[in-house]
N, C-alpha and C. Protein backbone atom coordinates (compact mmCIF):
# COMPACT_ATOMS: atom_id res chain seq x y z
N MET A 1 0.85 -1.17 0.00
CA MET A 1 0.00 0.00 0.00
C MET A 1 0.89 1.23 0.00
N SER A 2 0.42 2.27 -0.65
CA SER A 2 1.21 3.49 -0.74
C SER A 2 0.30 4.70 -0.65
N GLU A 3 0.85 5.81 -0.18
CA GLU A 3 0.07 7.04 -0.09
C GLU A 3 0.93 8.21 -0.54
N SER A 4 0.37 9.10 -1.32
CA SER A 4 1.08 10.30 -1.72
C SER A 4 0.60 11.46 -0.87
N LYS A 5 1.23 12.61 -1.02
CA LYS A 5 0.87 13.79 -0.25
C LYS A 5 -0.50 14.33 -0.63
N ALA A 6 -1.02 13.97 -1.80
CA ALA A 6 -2.30 14.48 -2.28
C ALA A 6 -3.48 13.65 -1.79
N LYS A 7 -3.31 12.92 -0.71
CA LYS A 7 -4.36 12.07 -0.15
C LYS A 7 -4.88 11.08 -1.18
N ARG A 8 -3.96 10.36 -1.74
CA ARG A 8 -4.27 9.26 -2.65
C ARG A 8 -3.62 8.02 -2.10
N ARG A 9 -4.28 6.91 -2.28
CA ARG A 9 -3.71 5.65 -1.79
C ARG A 9 -4.13 4.53 -2.71
N TRP A 10 -3.25 3.57 -2.90
CA TRP A 10 -3.59 2.42 -3.72
C TRP A 10 -3.38 1.15 -2.92
N ILE A 11 -4.15 0.13 -3.29
CA ILE A 11 -3.95 -1.21 -2.76
C ILE A 11 -4.00 -2.19 -3.93
N ALA A 12 -3.24 -3.24 -3.81
CA ALA A 12 -3.23 -4.29 -4.83
C ALA A 12 -4.19 -5.39 -4.39
N LEU A 13 -5.18 -5.68 -5.22
CA LEU A 13 -6.08 -6.81 -4.96
C LEU A 13 -5.47 -8.08 -5.52
N ASP A 14 -4.57 -7.91 -6.46
CA ASP A 14 -3.84 -8.99 -7.12
C ASP A 14 -2.62 -8.31 -7.73
N CYS A 15 -1.64 -9.07 -8.16
CA CYS A 15 -0.46 -8.41 -8.76
C CYS A 15 -0.83 -7.67 -10.03
N HIS A 16 -1.98 -7.97 -10.63
CA HIS A 16 -2.40 -7.31 -11.86
C HIS A 16 -3.66 -6.45 -11.69
N VAL A 17 -4.09 -6.21 -10.45
CA VAL A 17 -5.30 -5.41 -10.21
C VAL A 17 -5.03 -4.43 -9.07
N LEU A 18 -5.15 -3.14 -9.37
CA LEU A 18 -4.98 -2.10 -8.36
C LEU A 18 -6.28 -1.35 -8.16
N VAL A 19 -6.47 -0.87 -6.93
CA VAL A 19 -7.58 0.01 -6.59
C VAL A 19 -6.96 1.28 -6.01
N VAL A 20 -7.42 2.42 -6.48
CA VAL A 20 -6.86 3.71 -6.07
C VAL A 20 -7.97 4.58 -5.50
N ALA A 21 -7.75 5.14 -4.32
CA ALA A 21 -8.67 6.11 -3.72
C ALA A 21 -8.02 7.48 -3.82
N SER A 22 -8.83 8.49 -4.11
CA SER A 22 -8.30 9.83 -4.27
C SER A 22 -9.26 10.86 -3.71
N GLU A 23 -8.73 11.76 -2.91
CA GLU A 23 -9.51 12.88 -2.41
C GLU A 23 -9.64 13.91 -3.53
N GLY A 24 -10.83 14.49 -3.64
CA GLY A 24 -11.05 15.55 -4.61
C GLY A 24 -10.67 16.90 -4.04
N HIS A 25 -11.06 17.95 -4.74
CA HIS A 25 -10.70 19.31 -4.32
C HIS A 25 -11.69 19.92 -3.33
N PHE A 26 -12.81 19.26 -3.10
CA PHE A 26 -13.85 19.84 -2.26
C PHE A 26 -14.21 18.94 -1.08
N GLY A 27 -13.23 18.18 -0.57
CA GLY A 27 -13.48 17.30 0.55
C GLY A 27 -14.25 16.05 0.17
N ASP A 28 -14.25 15.72 -1.14
CA ASP A 28 -14.93 14.52 -1.60
C ASP A 28 -13.88 13.49 -2.03
N TRP A 29 -14.34 12.31 -2.42
CA TRP A 29 -13.41 11.27 -2.83
C TRP A 29 -14.08 10.27 -3.75
N SER A 30 -13.26 9.51 -4.47
CA SER A 30 -13.70 8.41 -5.33
C SER A 30 -12.64 7.33 -5.32
N ALA A 31 -13.00 6.16 -5.82
CA ALA A 31 -12.03 5.06 -5.94
C ALA A 31 -12.20 4.41 -7.30
N TYR A 32 -11.09 3.96 -7.85
CA TYR A 32 -11.05 3.40 -9.20
C TYR A 32 -10.30 2.08 -9.19
N ILE A 33 -10.70 1.18 -10.08
CA ILE A 33 -10.07 -0.13 -10.19
C ILE A 33 -9.60 -0.32 -11.62
N GLY A 34 -8.47 -1.01 -11.77
CA GLY A 34 -7.97 -1.26 -13.11
C GLY A 34 -6.92 -2.36 -13.15
N ALA A 35 -6.77 -2.92 -14.33
CA ALA A 35 -5.75 -3.95 -14.56
C ALA A 35 -4.43 -3.27 -14.90
N VAL A 36 -3.35 -3.85 -14.41
CA VAL A 36 -2.01 -3.33 -14.67
C VAL A 36 -1.10 -4.48 -15.05
N ALA A 37 0.04 -4.16 -15.59
CA ALA A 37 1.01 -5.19 -15.98
C ALA A 37 1.58 -5.90 -14.76
N GLY A 38 1.65 -5.20 -13.65
CA GLY A 38 2.18 -5.79 -12.43
C GLY A 38 3.69 -5.67 -12.32
N ASP A 39 4.27 -4.80 -13.13
CA ASP A 39 5.73 -4.62 -13.11
C ASP A 39 6.19 -3.68 -12.00
N ASN A 40 5.42 -2.62 -11.75
CA ASN A 40 5.81 -1.64 -10.74
C ASN A 40 4.56 -0.88 -10.27
N HIS A 41 3.95 -1.35 -9.21
CA HIS A 41 2.72 -0.72 -8.71
C HIS A 41 2.94 0.73 -8.32
N ASP A 42 4.16 1.07 -7.88
CA ASP A 42 4.43 2.45 -7.48
C ASP A 42 4.30 3.43 -8.66
N LEU A 43 4.39 2.93 -9.86
CA LEU A 43 4.19 3.75 -11.06
C LEU A 43 2.83 3.50 -11.71
N GLU A 44 2.33 2.29 -11.63
CA GLU A 44 1.10 1.90 -12.34
C GLU A 44 -0.18 2.45 -11.72
N TRP A 45 -0.17 2.80 -10.44
CA TRP A 45 -1.39 3.28 -9.79
C TRP A 45 -1.93 4.55 -10.45
N LEU A 46 -1.05 5.38 -10.98
CA LEU A 46 -1.49 6.63 -11.58
C LEU A 46 -2.33 6.39 -12.83
N GLU A 47 -1.98 5.36 -13.59
CA GLU A 47 -2.77 4.99 -14.78
C GLU A 47 -4.18 4.55 -14.36
N VAL A 48 -4.28 3.81 -13.27
CA VAL A 48 -5.58 3.37 -12.76
C VAL A 48 -6.39 4.59 -12.29
N LEU A 49 -5.75 5.52 -11.63
CA LEU A 49 -6.45 6.72 -11.17
C LEU A 49 -7.06 7.48 -12.35
N HIS A 50 -6.34 7.58 -13.44
CA HIS A 50 -6.81 8.37 -14.59
C HIS A 50 -7.69 7.60 -15.57
N HIS A 51 -7.53 6.28 -15.63
CA HIS A 51 -8.23 5.51 -16.66
C HIS A 51 -9.00 4.30 -16.13
N GLY A 52 -8.99 4.10 -14.82
CA GLY A 52 -9.68 2.95 -14.25
C GLY A 52 -11.19 3.15 -14.20
N SER A 53 -11.87 2.10 -13.83
CA SER A 53 -13.34 2.14 -13.68
C SER A 53 -13.68 2.57 -12.27
N LYS A 54 -14.62 3.50 -12.16
CA LYS A 54 -15.03 3.99 -10.84
C LYS A 54 -15.79 2.90 -10.10
N LEU A 55 -15.42 2.69 -8.85
CA LEU A 55 -16.10 1.70 -8.02
C LEU A 55 -17.39 2.27 -7.43
N PRO A 56 -18.36 1.39 -7.14
CA PRO A 56 -19.53 1.85 -6.40
C PRO A 56 -19.11 2.29 -4.99
N GLU A 57 -19.83 3.22 -4.44
CA GLU A 57 -19.49 3.78 -3.13
C GLU A 57 -19.37 2.71 -2.05
N LYS A 58 -20.29 1.77 -2.00
CA LYS A 58 -20.26 0.75 -0.94
C LYS A 58 -19.02 -0.14 -1.03
N VAL A 59 -18.61 -0.46 -2.22
CA VAL A 59 -17.40 -1.28 -2.40
C VAL A 59 -16.17 -0.47 -2.01
N ALA A 60 -16.10 0.77 -2.47
CA ALA A 60 -14.97 1.63 -2.15
C ALA A 60 -14.84 1.85 -0.64
N ALA A 61 -15.96 2.02 0.04
CA ALA A 61 -15.94 2.25 1.49
C ALA A 61 -15.40 1.05 2.25
N VAL A 62 -15.62 -0.15 1.75
CA VAL A 62 -15.07 -1.35 2.39
C VAL A 62 -13.55 -1.38 2.24
N LEU A 63 -13.07 -1.00 1.07
CA LEU A 63 -11.63 -1.04 0.80
C LEU A 63 -10.88 0.13 1.44
N PHE A 64 -11.55 1.27 1.58
CA PHE A 64 -10.92 2.47 2.13
C PHE A 64 -11.82 3.10 3.19
N PRO A 65 -12.00 2.44 4.33
CA PRO A 65 -12.93 2.96 5.36
C PRO A 65 -12.51 4.32 5.91
N ASP A 66 -11.23 4.61 5.94
CA ASP A 66 -10.77 5.91 6.43
C ASP A 66 -11.21 7.04 5.50
N PHE A 67 -11.20 6.81 4.21
CA PHE A 67 -11.70 7.81 3.26
C PHE A 67 -13.20 7.98 3.45
N ALA A 68 -13.91 6.88 3.62
CA ALA A 68 -15.37 6.93 3.77
C ALA A 68 -15.78 7.72 5.01
N GLU A 69 -14.98 7.62 6.06
CA GLU A 69 -15.30 8.33 7.30
C GLU A 69 -14.94 9.81 7.23
N LYS A 70 -13.91 10.14 6.49
CA LYS A 70 -13.39 11.50 6.49
C LYS A 70 -13.95 12.39 5.38
N PHE A 71 -14.27 11.80 4.22
CA PHE A 71 -14.65 12.60 3.06
C PHE A 71 -16.05 12.24 2.58
N VAL A 72 -16.65 13.13 1.80
CA VAL A 72 -17.96 12.92 1.18
C VAL A 72 -17.72 12.22 -0.15
N TRP A 73 -18.57 11.25 -0.48
CA TRP A 73 -18.43 10.49 -1.73
C TRP A 73 -18.69 11.40 -2.92
N ARG A 74 -17.86 11.32 -3.94
CA ARG A 74 -18.01 12.09 -5.16
C ARG A 74 -18.87 11.30 -6.14
N SER A 75 -20.03 11.81 -6.46
CA SER A 75 -20.95 11.13 -7.38
C SER A 75 -20.50 11.24 -8.81
């Protein structure tokens, strides 16, 4: 798991599947899932953030409960 200064965090569900949570600019957040090559998650998470599929709120809240408690879900 990794976190950047911009309140983003990723977790690997598999070596080829990453989930990324990201805080928005207005105290909101979203989470995205995507397939990756699995060569370097520290670099691949950004591609998932920009091009992954948005997760439903309930699924994202299970994976990132701290985001769910602190931020408003971005619709």
